[in-house]
Amino acid sequence: MAEGSAWQDFERLAAFIFEKNGYLVTVGTVKTRNRQRRQYDVIARKDGRTLLVECKRWSGGRYRLSALKRAVGTHRERALFYESITGEDAVPVIVVLIEEEIRVFEGVPLVPVHRLNAFIGELDAYPDGSSFAEYEGGDESGAEEEVWPEEADDGIAGPAPVRTGSRYW
């Protein structure tokens, strides 16, 4: 996908990848309650699982990591809002255009679009929905463990995370 493509094309690409993996997909859904409004880039459903996908196509920049961390907080709040309206359990996921230094932040996977198909395949292999939980904190199954980069007050990230293990979507 070219860097200069419209953001809607990026959302449609993510939706297409989910559809090709058997998910029922909606794009650009808006939910409203008590004058509060939330928009969801992609909602993907399969086998009783609902994924709320936020698509971020930021390019390089010194504040990108800080912005991603803020986006995770916002997206987690959107997921709670969605759950309160629909009664469905929802898994927040952020799809990014380029590889990031981090892959999971506060329980939300940050999946590069070029690895989205592999992520979905791995997610489908774990029907309980916990396939990425181990990526954040590590476990005995051989999954990767990451040490998060620290940010200085100027927003510049510290060293890249240290990765152990072998699995990677």
N, C-alpha and C. Protein backbone atom coordinates (compact mmCIF):
# COMPACT_ATOMS: atom_id res chain seq x y z
N MET A 1 0.85 -1.17 0.00
CA MET A 1 0.00 0.00 0.00
C MET A 1 0.89 1.23 0.00
N ALA A 2 0.65 2.14 -0.87
CA ALA A 2 1.45 3.36 -0.97
C ALA A 2 1.17 4.27 0.21
N GLU A 3 2.20 4.93 0.69
CA GLU A 3 2.09 5.82 1.84
C GLU A 3 1.06 6.91 1.62
N GLY A 4 0.90 7.40 0.40
CA GLY A 4 0.01 8.52 0.12
C GLY A 4 -1.44 8.12 -0.13
N SER A 5 -1.79 6.84 0.01
CA SER A 5 -3.16 6.39 -0.23
C SER A 5 -4.11 6.98 0.80
N ALA A 6 -5.37 7.09 0.41
CA ALA A 6 -6.38 7.63 1.32
C ALA A 6 -6.57 6.71 2.51
N TRP A 7 -6.92 7.29 3.67
CA TRP A 7 -7.09 6.49 4.88
C TRP A 7 -8.22 5.48 4.72
N GLN A 8 -9.24 5.81 3.90
CA GLN A 8 -10.32 4.86 3.69
C GLN A 8 -9.82 3.59 2.99
N ASP A 9 -8.85 3.74 2.11
CA ASP A 9 -8.27 2.58 1.43
C ASP A 9 -7.58 1.65 2.42
N PHE A 10 -6.92 2.23 3.42
CA PHE A 10 -6.24 1.44 4.43
C PHE A 10 -7.27 0.66 5.26
N GLU A 11 -8.37 1.32 5.62
CA GLU A 11 -9.44 0.63 6.35
C GLU A 11 -10.03 -0.49 5.51
N ARG A 12 -10.26 -0.22 4.22
CA ARG A 12 -10.82 -1.25 3.34
C ARG A 12 -9.85 -2.42 3.16
N LEU A 13 -8.56 -2.15 3.14
CA LEU A 13 -7.58 -3.22 3.04
C LEU A 13 -7.64 -4.11 4.28
N ALA A 14 -7.68 -3.51 5.45
CA ALA A 14 -7.79 -4.30 6.68
C ALA A 14 -9.08 -5.11 6.67
N ALA A 15 -10.19 -4.49 6.27
CA ALA A 15 -11.47 -5.20 6.20
C ALA A 15 -11.40 -6.37 5.23
N PHE A 16 -10.77 -6.15 4.07
CA PHE A 16 -10.62 -7.20 3.06
C PHE A 16 -9.86 -8.40 3.62
N ILE A 17 -8.79 -8.15 4.37
CA ILE A 17 -7.99 -9.23 4.94
C ILE A 17 -8.83 -10.03 5.93
N PHE A 18 -9.61 -9.34 6.75
CA PHE A 18 -10.49 -10.06 7.67
C PHE A 18 -11.54 -10.87 6.91
N GLU A 19 -12.15 -10.28 5.88
CA GLU A 19 -13.15 -11.00 5.08
C GLU A 19 -12.56 -12.26 4.46
N LYS A 20 -11.35 -12.17 3.93
CA LYS A 20 -10.71 -13.33 3.30
C LYS A 20 -10.42 -14.43 4.31
N ASN A 21 -10.44 -14.08 5.60
CA ASN A 21 -10.25 -15.06 6.66
C ASN A 21 -11.57 -15.49 7.29
N GLY A 22 -12.68 -15.21 6.59
CA GLY A 22 -13.97 -15.69 7.03
C GLY A 22 -14.72 -14.82 8.02
N TYR A 23 -14.28 -13.62 8.24
CA TYR A 23 -14.96 -12.71 9.18
C TYR A 23 -16.06 -11.94 8.47
N LEU A 24 -17.14 -11.67 9.19
CA LEU A 24 -18.18 -10.76 8.74
C LEU A 24 -17.71 -9.37 9.15
N VAL A 25 -17.65 -8.44 8.19
CA VAL A 25 -16.98 -7.16 8.42
C VAL A 25 -17.91 -5.99 8.13
N THR A 26 -17.83 -4.96 8.97
CA THR A 26 -18.45 -3.67 8.68
C THR A 26 -17.37 -2.60 8.81
N VAL A 27 -17.49 -1.56 8.00
CA VAL A 27 -16.49 -0.49 7.97
C VAL A 27 -17.19 0.84 8.30
N GLY A 28 -16.54 1.64 9.15
CA GLY A 28 -17.05 2.98 9.44
C GLY A 28 -18.33 3.00 10.27
N THR A 29 -18.48 2.06 11.17
CA THR A 29 -19.68 1.99 12.01
C THR A 29 -19.64 3.05 13.10
N VAL A 30 -20.79 3.70 13.32
CA VAL A 30 -20.91 4.69 14.39
C VAL A 30 -21.93 4.19 15.40
N LYS A 31 -21.58 4.25 16.67
CA LYS A 31 -22.48 3.89 17.76
C LYS A 31 -22.71 5.14 18.61
N THR A 32 -23.97 5.35 19.02
CA THR A 32 -24.32 6.53 19.81
C THR A 32 -25.18 6.13 20.99
N ARG A 33 -24.91 6.75 22.15
CA ARG A 33 -25.75 6.57 23.33
C ARG A 33 -25.60 7.79 24.22
N ASN A 34 -26.72 8.32 24.67
CA ASN A 34 -26.71 9.48 25.56
C ASN A 34 -25.83 10.62 25.03
N ARG A 35 -26.00 10.91 23.77
CA ARG A 35 -25.25 11.98 23.09
C ARG A 35 -23.75 11.72 22.98
N GLN A 36 -23.33 10.52 23.33
CA GLN A 36 -21.93 10.14 23.13
C GLN A 36 -21.86 9.32 21.85
N ARG A 37 -20.84 9.63 21.04
CA ARG A 37 -20.71 9.00 19.72
C ARG A 37 -19.30 8.44 19.58
N ARG A 38 -19.22 7.20 19.09
CA ARG A 38 -17.93 6.57 18.83
C ARG A 38 -17.97 5.95 17.44
N GLN A 39 -16.87 6.09 16.72
CA GLN A 39 -16.77 5.49 15.39
C GLN A 39 -15.74 4.38 15.41
N TYR A 40 -16.02 3.31 14.67
CA TYR A 40 -15.16 2.14 14.60
C TYR A 40 -14.76 1.94 13.15
N ASP A 41 -13.43 1.93 12.89
CA ASP A 41 -12.95 1.78 11.52
C ASP A 41 -13.43 0.47 10.91
N VAL A 42 -13.17 -0.64 11.60
CA VAL A 42 -13.57 -1.96 11.12
C VAL A 42 -14.07 -2.78 12.31
N ILE A 43 -15.21 -3.40 12.15
CA ILE A 43 -15.70 -4.37 13.13
C ILE A 43 -15.71 -5.71 12.41
N ALA A 44 -14.99 -6.67 12.97
CA ALA A 44 -14.87 -8.00 12.36
C ALA A 44 -15.41 -9.04 13.33
N ARG A 45 -16.33 -9.89 12.85
CA ARG A 45 -16.96 -10.92 13.70
C ARG A 45 -16.79 -12.30 13.07
N LYS A 46 -16.49 -13.26 13.96
CA LYS A 46 -16.39 -14.64 13.52
C LYS A 46 -16.48 -15.54 14.75
N ASP A 47 -17.30 -16.57 14.67
CA ASP A 47 -17.40 -17.58 15.72
C ASP A 47 -17.61 -16.98 17.10
N GLY A 48 -18.48 -15.97 17.18
CA GLY A 48 -18.79 -15.37 18.47
C GLY A 48 -17.75 -14.38 18.99
N ARG A 49 -16.75 -14.10 18.20
CA ARG A 49 -15.70 -13.14 18.59
C ARG A 49 -15.89 -11.85 17.80
N THR A 50 -15.78 -10.73 18.50
CA THR A 50 -15.87 -9.42 17.86
C THR A 50 -14.56 -8.68 18.05
N LEU A 51 -13.96 -8.27 16.93
CA LEU A 51 -12.74 -7.47 16.96
C LEU A 51 -13.07 -6.06 16.51
N LEU A 52 -12.67 -5.08 17.30
CA LEU A 52 -12.82 -3.67 16.95
C LEU A 52 -11.45 -3.20 16.47
N VAL A 53 -11.37 -2.87 15.20
CA VAL A 53 -10.09 -2.58 14.57
C VAL A 53 -9.97 -1.08 14.29
N GLU A 54 -8.94 -0.49 14.84
CA GLU A 54 -8.59 0.91 14.57
C GLU A 54 -7.41 0.88 13.61
N CYS A 55 -7.51 1.59 12.50
CA CYS A 55 -6.44 1.61 11.49
C CYS A 55 -5.66 2.92 11.60
N LYS A 56 -4.36 2.79 11.83
CA LYS A 56 -3.49 3.96 11.95
C LYS A 56 -2.40 3.87 10.90
N ARG A 57 -2.30 4.89 10.06
CA ARG A 57 -1.28 4.86 9.00
C ARG A 57 -0.30 6.02 9.13
N TRP A 58 0.09 6.29 10.36
CA TRP A 58 1.08 7.35 10.58
C TRP A 58 2.40 6.97 9.95
N SER A 59 3.08 7.97 9.47
CA SER A 59 4.43 7.74 8.96
C SER A 59 5.40 8.02 10.10
N GLY A 60 6.67 7.97 9.79
CA GLY A 60 7.70 8.19 10.80
C GLY A 60 7.58 9.55 11.44
N GLY A 61 8.15 9.65 12.60
CA GLY A 61 8.14 10.91 13.32
C GLY A 61 8.51 10.66 14.76
N ARG A 62 9.03 11.67 15.37
CA ARG A 62 9.56 11.47 16.71
C ARG A 62 8.48 11.26 17.76
N TYR A 63 7.23 11.63 17.49
CA TYR A 63 6.17 11.47 18.47
C TYR A 63 5.24 10.30 18.17
N ARG A 64 5.57 9.46 17.19
CA ARG A 64 4.67 8.38 16.79
C ARG A 64 4.41 7.40 17.93
N LEU A 65 5.41 7.03 18.69
CA LEU A 65 5.23 6.07 19.77
C LEU A 65 4.29 6.65 20.84
N SER A 66 4.47 7.89 21.19
CA SER A 66 3.56 8.53 22.16
C SER A 66 2.14 8.56 21.61
N ALA A 67 2.00 8.88 20.35
CA ALA A 67 0.67 8.93 19.72
C ALA A 67 0.02 7.55 19.71
N LEU A 68 0.80 6.52 19.44
CA LEU A 68 0.25 5.16 19.46
C LEU A 68 -0.23 4.79 20.85
N LYS A 69 0.55 5.14 21.86
CA LYS A 69 0.14 4.83 23.23
C LYS A 69 -1.15 5.55 23.58
N ARG A 70 -1.29 6.81 23.17
CA ARG A 70 -2.54 7.54 23.40
C ARG A 70 -3.69 6.89 22.62
N ALA A 71 -3.41 6.46 21.40
CA ALA A 71 -4.44 5.81 20.57
C ALA A 71 -4.93 4.52 21.22
N VAL A 72 -4.03 3.79 21.87
CA VAL A 72 -4.43 2.57 22.56
C VAL A 72 -5.42 2.89 23.67
N GLY A 73 -5.13 3.91 24.47
CA GLY A 73 -6.04 4.30 25.54
C GLY A 73 -7.41 4.70 25.01
N THR A 74 -7.42 5.47 23.94
CA THR A 74 -8.67 5.90 23.32
C THR A 74 -9.44 4.70 22.76
N HIS A 75 -8.72 3.79 22.13
CA HIS A 75 -9.38 2.63 21.52
C HIS A 75 -9.92 1.68 22.59
N ARG A 76 -9.21 1.53 23.69
CA ARG A 76 -9.72 0.71 24.79
C ARG A 76 -11.02 1.29 25.32
N GLU A 77 -11.08 2.61 25.43
CA GLU A 77 -12.31 3.27 25.89
C GLU A 77 -13.44 3.02 24.90
N ARG A 78 -13.13 3.09 23.58
CA ARG A 78 -14.14 2.80 22.56
C ARG A 78 -14.67 1.38 22.69
N ALA A 79 -13.78 0.44 22.99
CA ALA A 79 -14.19 -0.96 23.14
C ALA A 79 -15.14 -1.11 24.33
N LEU A 80 -14.85 -0.45 25.44
CA LEU A 80 -15.75 -0.50 26.59
C LEU A 80 -17.10 0.12 26.26
N PHE A 81 -17.10 1.23 25.53
CA PHE A 81 -18.33 1.88 25.10
C PHE A 81 -19.15 0.91 24.24
N TYR A 82 -18.49 0.27 23.28
CA TYR A 82 -19.15 -0.70 22.39
C TYR A 82 -19.77 -1.84 23.20
N GLU A 83 -19.00 -2.38 24.14
CA GLU A 83 -19.49 -3.49 24.96
C GLU A 83 -20.70 -3.07 25.78
N SER A 84 -20.69 -1.84 26.31
CA SER A 84 -21.80 -1.38 27.13
C SER A 84 -23.08 -1.19 26.31
N ILE A 85 -22.93 -0.86 25.04
CA ILE A 85 -24.11 -0.68 24.18
C ILE A 85 -24.63 -2.00 23.65
N THR A 86 -23.72 -2.86 23.19
CA THR A 86 -24.13 -4.08 22.49
C THR A 86 -24.25 -5.30 23.39
N GLY A 87 -23.58 -5.28 24.54
CA GLY A 87 -23.55 -6.46 25.38
C GLY A 87 -22.59 -7.53 24.88
N GLU A 88 -21.87 -7.24 23.79
CA GLU A 88 -20.89 -8.18 23.24
C GLU A 88 -19.52 -7.93 23.87
N ASP A 89 -18.76 -8.99 24.08
CA ASP A 89 -17.36 -8.81 24.42
C ASP A 89 -16.64 -8.39 23.15
N ALA A 90 -15.77 -7.42 23.24
CA ALA A 90 -15.06 -6.91 22.06
C ALA A 90 -13.57 -6.84 22.34
N VAL A 91 -12.79 -7.20 21.35
CA VAL A 91 -11.33 -7.18 21.46
C VAL A 91 -10.81 -6.01 20.64
N PRO A 92 -10.17 -5.02 21.29
CA PRO A 92 -9.60 -3.91 20.52
C PRO A 92 -8.28 -4.33 19.87
N VAL A 93 -8.11 -3.95 18.61
CA VAL A 93 -6.90 -4.22 17.84
C VAL A 93 -6.56 -2.96 17.06
N ILE A 94 -5.28 -2.61 17.00
CA ILE A 94 -4.85 -1.49 16.17
C ILE A 94 -3.98 -2.03 15.05
N VAL A 95 -4.37 -1.73 13.82
CA VAL A 95 -3.59 -2.12 12.64
C VAL A 95 -2.81 -0.89 12.19
N VAL A 96 -1.50 -1.07 12.04
CA VAL A 96 -0.62 0.04 11.67
C VAL A 96 0.00 -0.22 10.30
N LEU A 97 0.39 0.84 9.65
CA LEU A 97 0.95 0.73 8.31
C LEU A 97 2.38 0.19 8.34
N ILE A 98 3.15 0.65 9.30
CA ILE A 98 4.55 0.23 9.36
C ILE A 98 4.83 -0.48 10.68
N GLU A 99 5.87 -1.26 10.69
CA GLU A 99 6.28 -2.02 11.87
C GLU A 99 6.60 -1.05 13.00
N GLU A 100 6.08 -1.32 14.18
CA GLU A 100 6.32 -0.48 15.34
C GLU A 100 7.31 -1.15 16.27
N GLU A 101 7.84 -0.37 17.20
CA GLU A 101 8.77 -0.91 18.20
C GLU A 101 8.07 -1.82 19.18
N ILE A 102 6.78 -1.64 19.37
CA ILE A 102 6.02 -2.43 20.32
C ILE A 102 4.93 -3.19 19.58
N ARG A 103 4.54 -4.34 20.13
CA ARG A 103 3.49 -5.14 19.49
C ARG A 103 2.23 -5.23 20.31
N VAL A 104 2.31 -5.07 21.61
CA VAL A 104 1.14 -5.09 22.47
C VAL A 104 1.35 -4.00 23.51
N PHE A 105 0.33 -3.18 23.71
CA PHE A 105 0.40 -2.15 24.74
C PHE A 105 -0.91 -2.16 25.50
N GLU A 106 -0.84 -2.32 26.81
CA GLU A 106 -2.02 -2.38 27.68
C GLU A 106 -3.04 -3.39 27.15
N GLY A 107 -2.55 -4.53 26.68
CA GLY A 107 -3.42 -5.60 26.21
C GLY A 107 -3.96 -5.44 24.81
N VAL A 108 -3.58 -4.37 24.11
CA VAL A 108 -4.07 -4.12 22.75
C VAL A 108 -2.96 -4.43 21.75
N PRO A 109 -3.17 -5.38 20.85
CA PRO A 109 -2.14 -5.68 19.86
C PRO A 109 -2.03 -4.56 18.82
N LEU A 110 -0.80 -4.24 18.45
CA LEU A 110 -0.48 -3.29 17.38
C LEU A 110 0.08 -4.12 16.24
N VAL A 111 -0.74 -4.35 15.22
CA VAL A 111 -0.40 -5.31 14.17
C VAL A 111 -0.06 -4.58 12.88
N PRO A 112 1.15 -4.75 12.36
CA PRO A 112 1.47 -4.18 11.05
C PRO A 112 0.59 -4.84 9.99
N VAL A 113 0.11 -4.05 9.05
CA VAL A 113 -0.83 -4.57 8.06
C VAL A 113 -0.22 -5.74 7.27
N HIS A 114 1.09 -5.72 7.05
CA HIS A 114 1.70 -6.82 6.30
C HIS A 114 1.75 -8.12 7.11
N ARG A 115 1.45 -8.06 8.42
CA ARG A 115 1.39 -9.25 9.26
C ARG A 115 -0.05 -9.57 9.72
N LEU A 116 -1.02 -8.83 9.22
CA LEU A 116 -2.39 -8.99 9.68
C LEU A 116 -2.93 -10.38 9.39
N ASN A 117 -2.68 -10.92 8.22
CA ASN A 117 -3.15 -12.26 7.88
C ASN A 117 -2.60 -13.30 8.87
N ALA A 118 -1.32 -13.22 9.18
CA ALA A 118 -0.70 -14.15 10.13
C ALA A 118 -1.30 -13.97 11.53
N PHE A 119 -1.53 -12.73 11.93
CA PHE A 119 -2.14 -12.45 13.23
C PHE A 119 -3.52 -13.09 13.31
N ILE A 120 -4.32 -12.93 12.27
CA ILE A 120 -5.67 -13.50 12.25
C ILE A 120 -5.59 -15.03 12.33
N GLY A 121 -4.67 -15.61 11.57
CA GLY A 121 -4.51 -17.06 11.61
C GLY A 121 -4.15 -17.55 13.00
N GLU A 122 -3.28 -16.83 13.67
CA GLU A 122 -2.90 -17.21 15.02
C GLU A 122 -4.06 -16.99 15.99
N LEU A 123 -4.78 -15.90 15.83
CA LEU A 123 -5.93 -15.61 16.67
C LEU A 123 -6.99 -16.70 16.51
N ASP A 124 -7.22 -17.13 15.28
CA ASP A 124 -8.21 -18.18 15.02
C ASP A 124 -7.80 -19.52 15.64
N ALA A 125 -6.51 -19.72 15.84
CA ALA A 125 -6.02 -20.96 16.44
C ALA A 125 -6.31 -21.02 17.94
N TYR A 126 -6.66 -19.86 18.53
CA TYR A 126 -6.96 -19.78 19.96
C TYR A 126 -8.40 -19.30 20.13
N PRO A 127 -9.37 -20.21 20.14
CA PRO A 127 -10.77 -19.79 20.20
C PRO A 127 -11.13 -18.99 21.44
N ASP A 128 -10.34 -19.07 22.51
CA ASP A 128 -10.67 -18.31 23.71
C ASP A 128 -10.27 -16.84 23.60
N GLY A 129 -9.59 -16.46 22.50
CA GLY A 129 -9.27 -15.06 22.27
C GLY A 129 -8.05 -14.56 22.99
N SER A 130 -7.26 -15.45 23.59
CA SER A 130 -6.14 -14.98 24.39
C SER A 130 -4.80 -15.13 23.70
N SER A 131 -4.77 -15.32 22.40
CA SER A 131 -3.52 -15.64 21.73
C SER A 131 -2.47 -14.54 21.85
N PHE A 132 -2.87 -13.28 21.98
CA PHE A 132 -1.86 -12.22 22.05
C PHE A 132 -1.57 -11.78 23.47
N ALA A 133 -2.30 -12.27 24.46
CA ALA A 133 -2.06 -11.87 25.84
C ALA A 133 -0.64 -12.23 26.25
N GLU A 134 -0.15 -13.36 25.80
CA GLU A 134 1.19 -13.80 26.19
C GLU A 134 2.29 -12.93 25.57
N TYR A 135 1.99 -12.20 24.51
CA TYR A 135 3.01 -11.37 23.88
C TYR A 135 3.40 -10.20 24.76
N GLU A 136 2.47 -9.75 25.61
CA GLU A 136 2.76 -8.59 26.44
C GLU A 136 3.60 -8.97 27.65
N GLY A 137 3.23 -10.06 28.33
CA GLY A 137 3.91 -10.36 29.57
C GLY A 137 4.80 -11.58 29.52
N GLY A 138 4.72 -12.35 28.46
CA GLY A 138 5.52 -13.57 28.36
C GLY A 138 4.89 -14.70 29.15
N ASP A 139 5.25 -15.94 28.79
CA ASP A 139 4.79 -17.10 29.52
C ASP A 139 5.73 -18.26 29.26
N GLU A 140 5.37 -19.42 29.74
CA GLU A 140 6.25 -20.57 29.57
C GLU A 140 6.09 -21.26 28.23
N SER A 141 5.23 -20.80 27.36
CA SER A 141 4.96 -21.51 26.12
C SER A 141 5.97 -21.18 25.02
N GLY A 142 6.97 -20.38 25.31
CA GLY A 142 7.93 -20.01 24.28
C GLY A 142 7.56 -18.75 23.54
N ALA A 143 6.49 -18.09 23.96
CA ALA A 143 6.09 -16.84 23.31
C ALA A 143 7.11 -15.76 23.64
N GLU A 144 7.07 -14.72 22.85
CA GLU A 144 8.03 -13.64 23.04
C GLU A 144 7.70 -12.81 24.26
N GLU A 145 8.73 -12.25 24.85
CA GLU A 145 8.57 -11.29 25.92
C GLU A 145 9.24 -10.01 25.46
N GLU A 146 8.63 -8.89 25.77
CA GLU A 146 9.20 -7.62 25.34
C GLU A 146 9.48 -6.73 26.53
N VAL A 147 10.54 -5.99 26.44
CA VAL A 147 10.84 -4.93 27.39
C VAL A 147 10.51 -3.64 26.67
N TRP A 148 9.59 -2.85 27.25
CA TRP A 148 9.07 -1.67 26.57
C TRP A 148 10.07 -0.54 26.56
N PRO A 149 10.13 0.21 25.45
CA PRO A 149 10.99 1.38 25.42
C PRO A 149 10.43 2.47 26.33
N GLU A 150 11.30 3.17 26.98
CA GLU A 150 10.89 4.30 27.81
C GLU A 150 10.95 5.55 26.96
N GLU A 151 10.13 6.52 27.30
CA GLU A 151 10.15 7.78 26.57
C GLU A 151 10.67 8.88 27.46
N ALA A 152 11.50 9.69 26.90
CA ALA A 152 11.98 10.86 27.61
C ALA A 152 10.88 11.92 27.56
N ASP A 153 11.03 12.97 28.32
CA ASP A 153 10.04 14.04 28.32
C ASP A 153 9.86 14.67 26.96
N ASP A 154 10.86 14.56 26.09
CA ASP A 154 10.76 15.18 24.77
C ASP A 154 10.02 14.29 23.77
N GLY A 155 9.52 13.11 24.22
CA GLY A 155 8.74 12.25 23.35
C GLY A 155 9.57 11.29 22.51
N ILE A 156 10.88 11.31 22.66
CA ILE A 156 11.73 10.42 21.87
C ILE A 156 11.86 9.11 22.61
N ALA A 157 11.55 8.02 21.91
CA ALA A 157 11.58 6.70 22.52
C ALA A 157 13.01 6.29 22.81
N GLY A 158 13.14 5.49 23.85
CA GLY A 158 14.43 4.92 24.20
C GLY A 158 14.75 3.76 23.28
N PRO A 159 15.60 2.84 23.74
CA PRO A 159 16.01 1.72 22.90
C PRO A 159 14.85 0.82 22.53
N ALA A 160 15.02 0.09 21.43
CA ALA A 160 13.99 -0.84 20.96
C ALA A 160 13.80 -1.94 21.99
N PRO A 161 12.62 -2.58 22.03
CA PRO A 161 12.39 -3.64 23.01
C PRO A 161 13.29 -4.83 22.75
N VAL A 162 13.58 -5.53 23.82
CA VAL A 162 14.34 -6.76 23.72
C VAL A 162 13.33 -7.87 23.53
N ARG A 163 13.53 -8.71 22.52
CA ARG A 163 12.57 -9.77 22.22
C ARG A 163 13.22 -11.12 22.46
N THR A 164 12.44 -12.00 23.10
CA THR A 164 12.89 -13.37 23.28
C THR A 164 11.80 -14.28 22.74
N GLY A 165 12.11 -15.53 22.48
CA GLY A 165 11.09 -16.44 21.96
C GLY A 165 11.13 -16.47 20.44
N SER A 166 10.16 -17.20 19.86
CA SER A 166 10.23 -17.41 18.42
C SER A 166 8.97 -17.00 17.67
N ARG A 167 7.81 -16.90 18.33
CA ARG A 167 6.58 -16.60 17.59
C ARG A 167 6.48 -15.11 17.30
N TYR A 168 5.99 -14.79 16.15
CA TYR A 168 5.83 -13.39 15.75
C TYR A 168 4.85 -13.32 14.63
N TRP A 169 3.82 -12.50 14.75
CA TRP A 169 2.88 -12.37 13.67
C TRP A 169 3.33 -11.29 12.84
